[in-house]
C-alpha atoms as a PDB file:
ATOM      1  CA  MET A   1      -4.977  -5.273  14.967  1.00  0.00           C
ATOM      2  CA  VAL A   2      -2.669  -7.990  13.644  1.00  0.00           C
ATOM      3  CA  ARG A   3       1.082  -7.563  13.673  1.00  0.00           C
ATOM      4  CA  THR A   4       2.871  -9.077  10.721  1.00  0.00           C
ATOM      5  CA  THR A   5       6.144  -8.775   8.866  1.00  0.00           C
ATOM      6  CA  LEU A   6       5.976  -7.590   5.277  1.00  0.00           C
ATOM      7  CA  THR A   7       9.040  -7.627   3.040  1.00  0.00           C
ATOM      8  CA  LEU A   8       8.959  -4.759   0.549  1.00  0.00           C
ATOM      9  CA  ASP A   9      11.112  -4.289  -2.512  1.00  0.00           C
ATOM     10  CA  ASP A  10      13.504  -1.360  -2.096  1.00  0.00           C
ATOM     11  CA  ASP A  11      11.785   0.751  -4.752  1.00  0.00           C
ATOM     12  CA  VAL A  12       8.343   0.209  -3.208  1.00  0.00           C
ATOM     13  CA  ALA A  13       9.598   1.069   0.276  1.00  0.00           C
ATOM     14  CA  ALA A  14      11.242   4.235  -1.043  1.00  0.00           C
ATOM     15  CA  LYS A  15       8.027   5.342  -2.761  1.00  0.00           C
ATOM     16  CA  LEU A  16       5.999   4.628   0.371  1.00  0.00           C
ATOM     17  CA  ARG A  17       8.433   6.595   2.563  1.00  0.00           C
ATOM     18  CA  ALA A  18       8.358   9.516   0.120  1.00  0.00           C
ATOM     19  CA  GLU A  19       4.542   9.499   0.050  1.00  0.00           C
ATOM     20  CA  ALA A  20       4.390   9.319   3.849  1.00  0.00           C
ATOM     21  CA  ARG A  21       6.681  12.363   4.077  1.00  0.00           C
ATOM     22  CA  ARG A  22       4.726  14.220   1.392  1.00  0.00           C
ATOM     23  CA  THR A  23       1.361  13.647   3.064  1.00  0.00           C
ATOM     24  CA  GLY A  24       2.551  13.768   6.665  1.00  0.00           C
ATOM     25  CA  SER A  25       0.953  10.360   7.264  1.00  0.00           C
ATOM     26  CA  PRO A  26       2.553   7.737   9.470  1.00  0.00           C
ATOM     27  CA  PHE A  27       4.090   4.951   7.355  1.00  0.00           C
ATOM     28  CA  LYS A  28       1.866   2.257   8.893  1.00  0.00           C
ATOM     29  CA  GLN A  29      -1.299   4.279   8.274  1.00  0.00           C
ATOM     30  CA  LEU A  30      -0.311   4.975   4.668  1.00  0.00           C
ATOM     31  CA  VAL A  31       0.368   1.294   3.937  1.00  0.00           C
ATOM     32  CA  ASN A  32      -2.946   0.237   5.511  1.00  0.00           C
ATOM     33  CA  ASN A  33      -4.897   2.869   3.568  1.00  0.00           C
ATOM     34  CA  LEU A  34      -3.252   1.943   0.265  1.00  0.00           C
ATOM     35  CA  LEU A  35      -3.883  -1.763   0.834  1.00  0.00           C
ATOM     36  CA  ARG A  36      -7.546  -1.069   1.646  1.00  0.00           C
ATOM     37  CA  LEU A  37      -7.884   1.013  -1.508  1.00  0.00           C
ATOM     38  CA  ALA A  38      -6.191  -1.622  -3.671  1.00  0.00           C
ATOM     39  CA  LEU A  39      -8.429  -4.374  -2.287  1.00  0.00           C
ATOM     40  CA  LYS A  40     -11.551  -2.265  -2.838  1.00  0.00           C
ATOM     41  CA  ILE A  41     -10.585  -1.461  -6.432  1.00  0.00           C
ATOM     42  CA  THR A  42      -9.777  -5.104  -7.177  1.00  0.00           C
ATOM     43  CA  ARG A  43     -13.166  -6.238  -5.858  1.00  0.00           C
ATOM     44  CA  GLN A  44     -15.055  -3.538  -7.758  1.00  0.00           C
ATOM     45  CA  CYS A  45     -13.282  -4.242 -11.043  1.00  0.00           C
ATOM     46  CA  GLY A  46     -13.480  -8.007 -10.671  1.00  0.00           C
ATOM     47  CA  GLN A  47      -9.761  -8.288 -11.339  1.00  0.00           C
ATOM     48  CA  GLY A  48      -7.513 -11.037 -10.125  1.00  0.00           C
ATOM     49  CA  PRO A  49      -5.137 -10.687  -7.210  1.00  0.00           C
ATOM     50  CA  TYR A  50      -2.589  -8.609  -9.153  1.00  0.00           C
ATOM     51  CA  LEU A  51      -2.497  -4.834  -9.416  1.00  0.00           C
ATOM     52  CA  LEU A  52      -0.452  -2.545 -11.617  1.00  0.00           C
ATOM     53  CA  LEU A  53       1.403  -0.039  -9.435  1.00  0.00           C
ATOM     54  CA  ARG A  54       3.170   2.949 -10.937  1.00  0.00           C
END
């Protein structure tokens, strides 16, 4: 495991906190799972490094 500091925009952090509460997942676990999913989708679609988040 690597410890790092990640600066999130306020709106992104709020959405992540809300999703963590909704699912009962720890914040760290939720962020890791969403990053894994985003990286997998980007590789499969052959897209560049940018993703559209809603």
